[in-house]
N, C-alpha and C. Protein backbone atom coordinates (compact mmCIF):
# COMPACT_ATOMS: atom_id res chain seq x y z
N MET A 1 90.83 126.75 81.91
CA MET A 1 91.77 125.87 82.32
C MET A 1 92.68 126.45 83.21
N GLY A 2 92.60 127.65 83.88
CA GLY A 2 93.66 128.06 84.76
C GLY A 2 93.65 127.58 86.20
N THR A 3 94.35 127.85 87.11
CA THR A 3 94.04 127.54 88.46
C THR A 3 92.73 127.62 88.87
N PHE A 4 92.39 127.05 90.14
CA PHE A 4 91.18 126.96 90.85
C PHE A 4 91.43 127.78 91.85
N SER A 5 90.13 128.81 91.91
CA SER A 5 89.87 129.61 93.01
C SER A 5 89.47 129.00 94.41
N ILE A 6 89.51 129.91 95.60
CA ILE A 6 88.97 129.59 96.72
C ILE A 6 87.77 128.79 96.59
N TRP A 7 86.77 129.56 95.83
CA TRP A 7 85.50 129.03 95.94
C TRP A 7 85.19 127.69 95.13
N HIS A 8 86.26 127.31 94.19
CA HIS A 8 86.10 125.94 93.57
C HIS A 8 86.30 125.01 94.74
N TRP A 9 87.33 125.39 95.40
CA TRP A 9 87.92 124.39 96.50
C TRP A 9 86.79 124.11 97.59
N LEU A 10 86.23 125.32 97.97
CA LEU A 10 85.12 125.20 99.25
C LEU A 10 83.95 124.36 98.63
N ILE A 11 83.72 124.77 97.38
CA ILE A 11 82.48 123.53 96.65
C ILE A 11 82.86 122.13 96.45
N VAL A 12 84.04 121.91 96.34
CA VAL A 12 84.55 120.47 96.36
C VAL A 12 84.53 119.84 97.69
N LEU A 13 85.16 120.86 98.59
CA LEU A 13 85.25 120.44 99.85
C LEU A 13 83.66 120.08 100.69
N LEU A 14 82.88 120.85 100.24
CA LEU A 14 81.40 120.64 100.67
C LEU A 14 80.55 119.34 100.03
N VAL A 15 81.10 119.10 98.78
CA VAL A 15 80.78 118.25 98.21
C VAL A 15 81.28 116.75 98.79
N VAL A 16 82.33 116.51 99.11
CA VAL A 16 83.07 115.79 99.72
C VAL A 16 82.57 115.26 101.06
N ALA A 17 82.52 116.29 101.72
CA ALA A 17 81.90 116.27 103.25
C ALA A 17 80.13 115.78 103.07
N LEU A 18 79.46 116.23 102.21
CA LEU A 18 78.09 115.62 101.84
C LEU A 18 78.18 114.13 101.47
N ILE A 19 79.18 113.71 100.73
CA ILE A 19 79.33 112.35 100.42
C ILE A 19 79.65 111.49 101.31
N PHE A 20 80.73 111.67 102.13
CA PHE A 20 81.36 110.74 103.10
C PHE A 20 80.90 111.20 104.29
N GLY A 21 80.58 112.12 104.68
CA GLY A 21 80.21 112.65 105.92
C GLY A 21 80.97 113.10 106.83
N THR A 22 81.16 113.87 107.77
CA THR A 22 82.17 114.56 108.52
C THR A 22 82.85 113.50 109.57
N LYS A 23 81.97 112.44 109.99
CA LYS A 23 82.27 111.57 111.00
C LYS A 23 83.59 110.74 110.15
N LYS A 24 83.17 110.37 108.92
CA LYS A 24 83.87 109.18 108.36
C LYS A 24 85.30 109.96 107.81
N LEU A 25 85.05 111.17 107.66
CA LEU A 25 86.40 111.98 107.25
C LEU A 25 87.19 112.07 108.17
N ARG A 26 86.69 112.40 109.52
CA ARG A 26 87.51 112.52 110.76
C ARG A 26 88.10 111.35 111.06
N ASN A 27 87.22 110.01 110.98
CA ASN A 27 88.06 109.00 111.10
C ASN A 27 89.04 108.53 110.36
N ILE A 28 89.20 109.13 108.85
CA ILE A 28 90.11 108.78 107.99
C ILE A 28 91.37 109.55 108.37
N GLY A 29 91.01 110.96 108.74
CA GLY A 29 92.17 111.64 109.29
C GLY A 29 92.95 111.19 110.57
N SER A 30 92.05 110.73 111.41
CA SER A 30 92.88 110.01 112.58
C SER A 30 93.72 108.97 112.19
N ASP A 31 93.11 107.99 111.24
CA ASP A 31 93.72 106.61 111.02
C ASP A 31 95.01 106.73 110.13
N LEU A 32 95.03 108.06 109.30
CA LEU A 32 96.24 108.61 108.70
C LEU A 32 97.13 108.79 109.79
N GLY A 33 96.72 109.73 110.56
CA GLY A 33 97.75 110.30 111.44
C GLY A 33 98.31 109.38 112.17
N GLY A 34 97.81 108.44 112.79
CA GLY A 34 98.28 107.16 113.66
C GLY A 34 99.26 106.52 112.70
N ALA A 35 99.04 106.11 111.25
CA ALA A 35 99.73 105.66 110.66
C ALA A 35 101.05 106.19 110.43
N VAL A 36 101.38 107.55 110.25
CA VAL A 36 102.45 108.31 109.99
C VAL A 36 103.26 108.20 111.46
N LYS A 37 102.58 108.36 112.47
CA LYS A 37 103.17 108.12 113.74
C LYS A 37 103.64 107.14 114.19
N GLY A 38 103.16 105.72 113.81
CA GLY A 38 103.69 104.49 113.93
C GLY A 38 104.86 104.27 112.98
N PHE A 39 104.83 104.92 111.81
CA PHE A 39 105.84 104.77 110.66
C PHE A 39 107.29 105.45 111.51
N LYS A 40 107.09 106.73 112.00
CA LYS A 40 108.00 107.35 112.54
C LYS A 40 108.67 106.83 113.62
N GLU A 41 107.91 106.20 114.63
CA GLU A 41 108.38 105.28 115.95
C GLU A 41 109.18 104.39 115.36
N GLY A 42 108.45 103.57 114.17
CA GLY A 42 109.35 102.43 113.77
C GLY A 42 110.66 102.72 113.12
N MET A 43 110.79 103.76 112.29
CA MET A 43 112.02 104.33 111.92
C MET A 43 113.01 104.41 113.17
N LYS A 44 112.71 105.27 114.17
CA LYS A 44 113.26 105.79 115.09
C LYS A 44 113.98 104.50 115.85
N GLU A 45 113.13 103.28 116.01
CA GLU A 45 113.54 102.02 116.50
C GLU A 45 114.63 101.65 115.72
N ALA A 46 114.50 101.51 114.65
CA ALA A 46 115.39 100.88 113.52
C ALA A 46 116.81 101.56 113.93
N ASN A 47 116.53 103.05 113.55
CA ASN A 47 117.95 103.62 113.81
C ASN A 47 118.83 103.47 115.07
N ASP A 48 117.86 103.36 116.15
CA ASP A 48 118.29 103.02 117.27
C ASP A 48 118.97 102.00 117.65
N LYS A 49 118.34 100.71 116.85
CA LYS A 49 119.25 99.56 117.02
C LYS A 49 120.09 99.39 116.35
N ALA A 50 120.12 99.95 115.06
CA ALA A 50 121.48 99.98 114.24
C ALA A 50 122.47 101.10 115.00
N ASP A 51 122.18 101.93 115.54
CA ASP A 51 123.36 102.45 116.27
C ASP A 51 123.65 101.88 117.42
N ASP A 52 123.04 101.13 118.11
CA ASP A 52 123.47 100.17 119.31
C ASP A 52 124.43 98.96 118.80
N ALA A 53 124.13 98.47 117.45
CA ALA A 53 124.84 97.35 117.11
C ALA A 53 126.26 98.26 116.62
N ALA A 54 126.26 99.48 116.14
CA ALA A 54 127.47 99.86 115.59
C ALA A 54 128.51 100.42 116.75
N THR A 55 127.46 100.77 117.77
CA THR A 55 128.20 100.98 119.12
C THR A 55 129.11 99.90 119.81
N THR A 56 128.29 98.79 119.74
CA THR A 56 129.03 97.40 120.30
C THR A 56 130.02 96.80 119.58
N GLN A 57 129.72 97.17 118.25
CA GLN A 57 131.23 96.73 117.45
C GLN A 57 132.20 97.46 117.71
N THR A 58 131.90 99.07 117.70
CA THR A 58 133.26 99.75 118.02
C THR A 58 133.87 99.46 119.27
N GLN A 59 133.01 99.02 120.40
CA GLN A 59 133.47 98.82 121.47
C GLN A 59 134.39 97.46 121.62
N ARG A 60 133.67 96.74 121.05
CA ARG A 60 134.69 95.41 120.78
C ARG A 60 136.10 95.64 120.20
N VAL A 61 135.94 96.26 119.24
CA VAL A 61 137.28 96.94 118.62
C VAL A 61 138.07 97.72 119.42
N ALA A 62 137.71 98.79 120.18
CA ALA A 62 138.41 99.67 121.27
C ALA A 62 138.88 98.86 122.29
N SER A 63 138.24 97.54 122.58
CA SER A 63 138.76 97.13 123.95
C SER A 63 139.60 96.10 123.85
N GLY A 64 139.80 95.84 122.20
CA GLY A 64 140.87 94.59 122.05
C GLY A 64 140.34 93.09 122.00
N GLU A 65 139.03 93.07 122.12
CA GLU A 65 138.30 91.69 122.11
C GLU A 65 138.49 91.04 120.79
N THR A 66 138.94 90.01 120.82
CA THR A 66 139.17 88.83 119.86
C THR A 66 138.12 87.85 119.74
N ILE A 67 137.18 87.71 118.78
CA ILE A 67 136.41 86.48 118.64
C ILE A 67 136.96 85.39 117.77
N ASP A 68 137.35 84.33 118.10
CA ASP A 68 137.93 83.32 117.53
C ASP A 68 136.91 82.45 117.33
N VAL A 69 137.03 82.24 115.88
CA VAL A 69 135.72 81.11 115.20
C VAL A 69 136.96 80.26 114.30
N GLN A 70 136.39 79.22 113.90
CA GLN A 70 136.76 78.24 113.18
C GLN A 70 135.82 78.07 112.08
N ALA A 71 136.46 78.11 110.72
CA ALA A 71 135.48 78.00 109.65
C ALA A 71 135.74 76.50 108.81
N LYS A 72 134.56 75.90 108.80
CA LYS A 72 134.52 74.60 108.21
C LYS A 72 133.81 74.81 106.86
N GLU A 73 134.41 73.91 105.74
CA GLU A 73 133.85 74.00 104.82
C GLU A 73 132.58 72.92 104.63
N LYS A 74 131.79 73.42 104.12
CA LYS A 74 130.36 72.33 104.09
C LYS A 74 130.29 71.53 103.24
N SER A 75 130.32 70.01 103.63
CA SER A 75 130.42 69.16 102.67
C SER A 75 129.04 68.82 102.26
N GLY A 76 128.96 68.32 100.71
CA GLY A 76 127.61 67.84 100.52
C GLY A 76 127.63 66.87 99.33
N SER A 77 126.64 66.16 98.91
CA SER A 77 127.15 65.29 97.87
C SER A 77 126.39 66.10 96.71
N GLN A 78 127.07 66.30 95.78
CA GLN A 78 126.68 66.89 94.37
C GLN A 78 126.84 66.12 93.50
N SER A 79 125.94 65.90 92.57
CA SER A 79 125.78 65.34 91.58
C SER A 79 125.83 65.89 90.27
N SER A 80 126.84 65.73 89.57
CA SER A 80 126.97 66.46 88.03
C SER A 80 127.21 65.49 87.18
């Protein structure tokens, strides 16, 4: 029950290649790589949007821009 040697892993790799075929394994690898690349790009875009929003807020505070709003209480009929 020790660790597997390189020969064990080569035999496992050969069996997997025979079962699935090299073309299917290559397609799985490229699909997985594309998914990881898409995930990284999505994370980068999300970080860029968050940075842009923080920068915009900081610029408003730095320029002294005041946003005037009026809060109204929502009225509705509640039956108790």
